[in-house]
Amino acid sequence: MRERKALTAPGVLMVAVVLLLQVTAIALFLATAYFSSAILGLLTVAVELVTIVMATGLLIVAPNHARVVTFLGRYLGTVRANGLQWTYPFTSRQDISLRVRNFDSNTLKVNDAMGNPVEVAAVIVWQVVDTAKASFDVENYANFVQIQTETAVRHMASKYPYDTYQTGQMSLQANADEVTATLHAELQLQLEQAGVRVLRTQLRRLAYAPEIASEMLRRQQAEAVVAARQRIVEGAVGMVDHALELLSARQIVELDEERKATMVSNLLVVLCSETRTQPVVNAGTLY
């Protein structure tokens, strides 16, 4: 089912036509009473019936609204023009709002990709763009948007860990824009069948569940310390290797394997230590 335009005419013009027909019917009625003519009487009835039929086609469409026109269960089209309009007589007209709407999902408790319970909620901005799909392809398009949004939020939260220190791995906290884009694309795919377009998606709440929040904070701190130590050790090893290459290239001092090991040990202690090291001057030899 796809939206199509219904047959319409300017309402003001059709009001003028209805009034003209009504005046004609009154004139024929008076002529019938004066001349006592059966033919004029039948003509009066016919004109009055046409006037009533024409009048039933009048409708008013509010701004940013549309009317879905059906006749005996058959979809005839949609009226989007605002103001007083005229369309098919004796039809049913369902009002559909075309305004931009917000939906704030409930705070959901979901297990992330690492199995940790997190609380997540999202706000989406949406709008009906196809009135035929919204009216006939789903039972209740507003309720459909609500359920599909919560389902998509749950699925999105379960695909990514809340936080990670692995290089190249996406997480809910560190890659909010990418995660939101994924949620937006999934929502648009699900809501397209309801004639709804998702304009904007944003996470409103993202946090660990209260029962594990304190423990996860300690875990985050520990992981941060491990990640920082790893970076420090990698940098220190590179600096030591560079120092040994410079000493050898410039022939400043000749070091055997044992002295190299001692130098590497001392440099690593100095570079990786948390506290400030105190230099010790050796006036003798290593042996």
Protein backbone atom coordinates (compact mmCIF):
# COMPACT_ATOMS: atom_id res chain seq x y z
CA MET A 1 0.00 0.00 0.00
CA ARG A 2 1.40 3.37 -1.06
CA GLU A 3 0.00 6.83 -0.63
CA ARG A 4 -1.61 8.52 -3.63
CA LYS A 5 -3.36 11.82 -4.07
CA ALA A 6 -7.13 11.87 -3.80
CA LEU A 7 -9.39 13.77 -6.18
CA THR A 8 -9.90 17.25 -4.70
CA ALA A 9 -11.37 20.59 -5.62
CA PRO A 10 -11.22 24.00 -3.89
CA GLY A 11 -13.71 24.01 -1.07
CA VAL A 12 -14.81 27.60 -1.55
CA LEU A 13 -15.71 26.91 -5.18
CA MET A 14 -17.70 23.81 -4.24
CA VAL A 15 -19.54 25.72 -1.50
CA ALA A 16 -20.60 28.22 -4.15
CA VAL A 17 -21.79 25.34 -6.36
CA VAL A 18 -23.75 23.78 -3.46
CA LEU A 19 -25.39 27.13 -2.65
CA LEU A 20 -26.30 27.63 -6.31
CA LEU A 21 -27.84 24.17 -6.45
CA GLN A 22 -29.77 24.85 -3.26
CA VAL A 23 -31.13 28.12 -4.65
CA THR A 24 -32.10 26.28 -7.84
CA ALA A 25 -33.90 23.60 -5.80
CA ILE A 26 -35.84 26.26 -3.88
CA ALA A 27 -36.80 27.99 -7.12
CA LEU A 28 -37.97 24.70 -8.63
CA PHE A 29 -39.96 23.93 -5.49
CA LEU A 30 -41.77 27.26 -5.73
CA ALA A 31 -42.38 26.71 -9.43
CA THR A 32 -43.76 23.25 -8.71
CA ALA A 33 -46.17 24.66 -6.13
CA TYR A 34 -47.27 27.42 -8.52
CA PHE A 35 -47.70 25.33 -11.68
CA SER A 36 -48.57 22.01 -9.96
CA SER A 37 -46.24 20.18 -12.35
CA ALA A 38 -45.10 16.65 -11.57
CA ILE A 39 -42.09 17.03 -13.83
CA LEU A 40 -40.93 20.10 -11.93
CA GLY A 41 -41.45 18.21 -8.69
CA LEU A 42 -39.23 15.35 -9.81
CA LEU A 43 -36.63 17.82 -11.02
CA THR A 44 -36.75 19.57 -7.64
CA VAL A 45 -36.10 16.27 -5.84
CA ALA A 46 -33.24 15.41 -8.21
CA VAL A 47 -31.55 18.79 -7.72
CA GLU A 48 -31.92 18.54 -3.94
CA LEU A 49 -30.37 15.07 -3.92
CA VAL A 50 -27.44 16.32 -6.00
CA THR A 51 -27.01 19.21 -3.55
CA ILE A 52 -26.88 16.83 -0.58
CA VAL A 53 -24.41 14.55 -2.34
CA MET A 54 -22.15 17.47 -3.25
CA ALA A 55 -22.28 18.83 0.31
CA THR A 56 -21.04 15.55 1.80
CA GLY A 57 -17.79 15.96 -0.11
CA LEU A 58 -16.73 19.05 1.85
CA LEU A 59 -14.04 18.64 4.53
CA ILE A 60 -11.56 20.76 6.50
CA VAL A 61 -7.87 19.77 6.71
CA ALA A 62 -5.82 21.32 9.51
CA PRO A 63 -2.19 22.45 8.96
CA ASN A 64 0.31 19.57 9.05
CA HIS A 65 -2.52 17.07 8.88
CA ALA A 66 -3.86 14.84 6.11
CA ARG A 67 -7.10 12.98 5.49
CA VAL A 68 -7.08 9.37 4.29
CA VAL A 69 -10.16 8.88 2.11
CA THR A 70 -11.85 5.45 1.89
CA PHE A 71 -15.12 4.29 0.38
CA LEU A 72 -16.67 0.96 1.34
CA GLY A 73 -13.28 -0.29 2.55
CA ARG A 74 -11.40 0.83 -0.55
CA TYR A 75 -8.57 3.34 -0.33
CA LEU A 76 -9.19 6.23 -2.72
CA GLY A 77 -6.35 8.58 -1.84
CA THR A 78 -5.05 11.15 0.63
CA VAL A 79 -5.91 14.84 0.91
CA ARG A 80 -2.89 16.88 2.05
CA ALA A 81 -3.99 20.38 0.99
CA ASN A 82 -4.94 22.49 4.02
CA GLY A 83 -8.14 24.43 4.55
CA LEU A 84 -11.60 23.83 3.13
CA GLN A 85 -11.47 21.14 0.44
CA TRP A 86 -13.87 18.95 -1.50
CA THR A 87 -13.35 15.29 -2.33
CA TYR A 88 -15.35 12.16 -3.06
CA PRO A 89 -18.85 12.29 -1.48
CA PHE A 90 -20.07 9.68 1.02
CA THR A 91 -16.53 8.67 1.95
CA SER A 92 -14.78 8.06 5.27
CA ARG A 93 -11.92 10.44 6.09
CA GLN A 94 -9.32 9.43 8.70
CA ASP A 95 -7.23 12.24 10.12
CA ILE A 96 -3.44 11.61 10.20
CA SER A 97 -1.03 14.03 11.86
CA LEU A 98 2.04 14.92 9.80
CA ARG A 99 3.71 16.85 12.60
CA VAL A 100 7.17 16.01 13.91
CA ARG A 101 6.92 14.01 17.14
CA ASN A 102 9.25 12.95 19.95
CA PHE A 103 9.28 9.57 21.58
CA ASP A 104 11.19 9.09 24.82
CA SER A 105 11.68 5.41 25.49
CA ASN A 106 11.58 3.93 28.96
CA THR A 107 14.86 3.21 30.71
CA LEU A 108 15.64 -0.38 29.74
CA LYS A 109 17.94 -2.80 31.54
CA VAL A 110 19.92 -4.76 28.94
CA ASN A 111 22.98 -7.00 29.02
CA ASP A 112 25.74 -5.56 26.85
CA ALA A 113 28.06 -7.61 24.65
CA MET A 114 30.17 -8.54 27.70
CA GLY A 115 27.12 -9.69 29.67
CA ASN A 116 27.09 -6.69 32.01
CA PRO A 117 23.67 -5.20 32.83
CA VAL A 118 23.38 -1.60 31.64
CA GLU A 119 20.57 0.94 31.68
CA VAL A 120 19.86 2.62 28.36
CA ALA A 121 17.17 4.92 27.00
CA ALA A 122 16.80 6.80 23.73
CA VAL A 123 14.87 9.72 22.27
CA ILE A 124 13.79 9.58 18.64
CA VAL A 125 12.24 12.28 16.48
CA TRP A 126 9.89 10.89 13.85
CA GLN A 127 7.25 11.90 11.33
CA VAL A 128 4.62 10.17 9.21
CA VAL A 129 5.53 10.48 5.53
CA ASP A 130 3.22 7.85 3.98
CA THR A 131 -0.34 8.06 5.28
CA ALA A 132 -1.50 4.93 3.46
CA LYS A 133 1.12 2.72 5.13
CA ALA A 134 0.49 4.32 8.52
CA SER A 135 -3.26 3.69 8.21
CA PHE A 136 -3.44 0.26 6.60
CA ASP A 137 -0.11 -1.59 6.94
CA VAL A 138 0.06 -1.50 10.75
CA GLU A 139 -2.61 -1.66 13.43
CA ASN A 140 -1.55 1.45 15.35
CA TYR A 141 1.42 3.34 13.96
CA ALA A 142 2.16 5.31 17.16
CA ASN A 143 2.22 2.12 19.24
CA PHE A 144 4.27 0.44 16.49
CA VAL A 145 6.90 3.20 16.74
CA GLN A 146 7.09 2.75 20.53
CA ILE A 147 7.54 -1.03 20.45
CA GLN A 148 10.02 -1.03 17.57
CA THR A 149 12.09 1.71 19.24
CA GLU A 150 12.45 -0.22 22.48
CA THR A 151 13.27 -3.38 20.55
CA ALA A 152 15.95 -1.61 18.50
CA VAL A 153 17.46 -0.02 21.62
CA ARG A 154 17.72 -3.43 23.29
CA HIS A 155 19.33 -4.96 20.21
CA MET A 156 21.79 -2.08 19.85
CA ALA A 157 22.86 -2.24 23.51
CA SER A 158 23.45 -6.00 23.30
CA LYS A 159 25.76 -5.66 20.27
CA TYR A 160 28.44 -3.50 21.94
CA PRO A 161 30.23 -3.54 25.28
CA TYR A 162 29.62 -0.61 27.58
CA ASP A 163 33.32 0.23 27.62
CA THR A 164 36.49 -1.34 26.24
CA TYR A 165 40.22 -0.68 26.20
CA GLN A 166 40.95 -2.83 23.16
CA THR A 167 42.12 -0.85 20.17
CA GLY A 168 39.63 -0.79 17.31
CA GLN A 169 36.69 -2.22 19.25
CA MET A 170 33.59 -0.03 19.44
CA SER A 171 31.81 0.56 22.72
CA LEU A 172 28.60 2.27 23.83
CA GLN A 173 30.43 4.92 25.83
CA ALA A 174 33.38 5.73 23.58
CA ASN A 175 31.59 5.55 20.21
CA ALA A 176 28.26 7.22 20.93
CA ASP A 177 27.95 8.76 17.45
CA GLU A 178 28.59 5.48 15.62
CA VAL A 179 26.27 3.56 17.95
CA THR A 180 23.53 6.16 17.49
CA ALA A 181 23.95 5.97 13.71
CA THR A 182 23.55 2.19 13.88
CA LEU A 183 20.39 2.59 15.97
CA HIS A 184 19.04 5.19 13.54
CA ALA A 185 19.58 2.94 10.52
CA GLU A 186 17.97 -0.07 12.21
CA LEU A 187 14.98 1.99 13.35
CA GLN A 188 14.44 3.46 9.90
CA LEU A 189 14.46 -0.02 8.39
CA GLN A 190 11.88 -1.27 10.88
CA LEU A 191 9.59 1.78 10.72
CA GLU A 192 9.58 2.14 6.96
CA GLN A 193 6.74 -0.37 6.68
CA ALA A 194 4.63 1.95 8.86
CA GLY A 195 5.25 4.97 6.62
CA VAL A 196 7.38 6.66 9.30
CA ARG A 197 10.65 8.50 8.79
CA VAL A 198 13.14 8.78 11.65
CA LEU A 199 14.56 12.30 11.70
CA ARG A 200 16.94 12.09 14.66
CA THR A 201 18.05 9.52 17.22
CA GLN A 202 19.87 10.23 20.47
CA LEU A 203 20.74 8.25 23.57
CA ARG A 204 19.20 9.85 26.66
CA ARG A 205 20.65 7.57 29.33
CA LEU A 206 23.57 5.15 29.34
CA ALA A 207 24.94 3.74 32.58
CA TYR A 208 25.74 0.52 34.38
CA ALA A 209 22.91 -0.98 36.39
CA PRO A 210 22.97 0.14 40.06
CA GLU A 211 23.75 -3.34 41.38
CA ILE A 212 27.11 -3.50 39.57
CA ALA A 213 27.94 0.19 39.17
CA SER A 214 30.48 0.31 42.02
CA GLU A 215 32.18 -2.93 40.97
CA MET A 216 32.36 -1.84 37.34
CA LEU A 217 33.91 1.44 38.44
CA ARG A 218 36.67 -0.47 40.17
CA ARG A 219 37.06 -2.65 37.10
CA GLN A 220 37.29 0.40 34.85
CA GLN A 221 39.94 1.89 37.11
CA ALA A 222 41.93 -1.36 37.09
CA GLU A 223 41.66 -1.69 33.32
CA ALA A 224 42.71 1.92 32.92
CA VAL A 225 45.78 1.30 35.10
CA VAL A 226 46.70 -1.82 33.12
CA ALA A 227 46.25 0.00 29.81
CA ALA A 228 48.34 2.93 31.02
CA ARG A 229 51.09 0.60 32.29
CA GLN A 230 51.13 -1.19 28.97
CA ARG A 231 51.61 2.09 27.11
CA ILE A 232 54.35 3.12 29.53
CA VAL A 233 56.23 -0.16 29.14
CA GLU A 234 55.95 -0.02 25.34
CA GLY A 235 57.29 3.52 25.34
CA ALA A 236 60.09 2.69 27.78
CA VAL A 237 61.25 -0.30 25.72
CA GLY A 238 61.36 1.89 22.65
CA MET A 239 63.39 4.56 24.45
CA VAL A 240 65.87 1.99 25.79
CA ASP A 241 66.30 0.45 22.35
CA HIS A 242 66.86 3.89 20.87
CA ALA A 243 69.45 4.75 23.57
CA LEU A 244 71.42 1.57 22.95
CA GLU A 245 71.39 2.21 19.19
CA LEU A 246 72.73 5.75 19.68
CA LEU A 247 75.49 4.60 22.06
CA SER A 248 76.57 1.93 19.60
CA ALA A 249 76.30 4.15 16.50
CA ARG A 250 78.29 7.02 18.01
CA GLN A 251 80.79 4.64 19.68
CA ILE A 252 80.46 6.43 22.97
CA VAL A 253 81.00 3.31 25.02
CA GLU A 254 81.44 -0.39 24.34
CA LEU A 255 79.02 -2.51 26.35
CA ASP A 256 79.10 -6.25 26.69
CA GLU A 257 75.91 -8.26 27.15
CA GLU A 258 76.01 -8.11 30.94
CA ARG A 259 76.45 -4.31 31.00
CA LYS A 260 73.71 -3.93 28.43
CA ALA A 261 71.38 -5.97 30.63
CA THR A 262 72.27 -3.83 33.65
CA MET A 263 71.71 -0.63 31.67
CA VAL A 264 68.39 -1.87 30.33
CA SER A 265 67.27 -2.80 33.86
CA ASN A 266 68.22 0.61 35.26
CA LEU A 267 66.56 2.52 32.43
CA LEU A 268 63.35 0.52 32.72
CA VAL A 269 63.23 1.17 36.46
CA VAL A 270 63.68 4.89 35.88
CA LEU A 271 61.13 5.11 33.05
CA CYS A 272 58.44 2.81 34.48
CA SER A 273 58.61 3.83 38.14
CA GLU A 274 55.60 5.67 39.61
CA THR A 275 57.80 7.68 41.99
CA ARG A 276 60.65 9.96 41.13
CA THR A 277 63.93 8.01 41.11
CA GLN A 278 67.09 9.18 42.90
CA PRO A 279 70.34 8.97 40.91
CA VAL A 280 73.26 7.04 42.38
CA VAL A 281 76.78 7.88 41.17
CA ASN A 282 79.01 4.82 40.80
CA ALA A 283 82.66 5.81 41.24
CA GLY A 284 84.00 2.33 40.74
CA THR A 285 83.30 -0.45 38.25
CA LEU A 286 80.51 -2.90 37.77
CA TYR A 287 82.78 -5.82 38.79
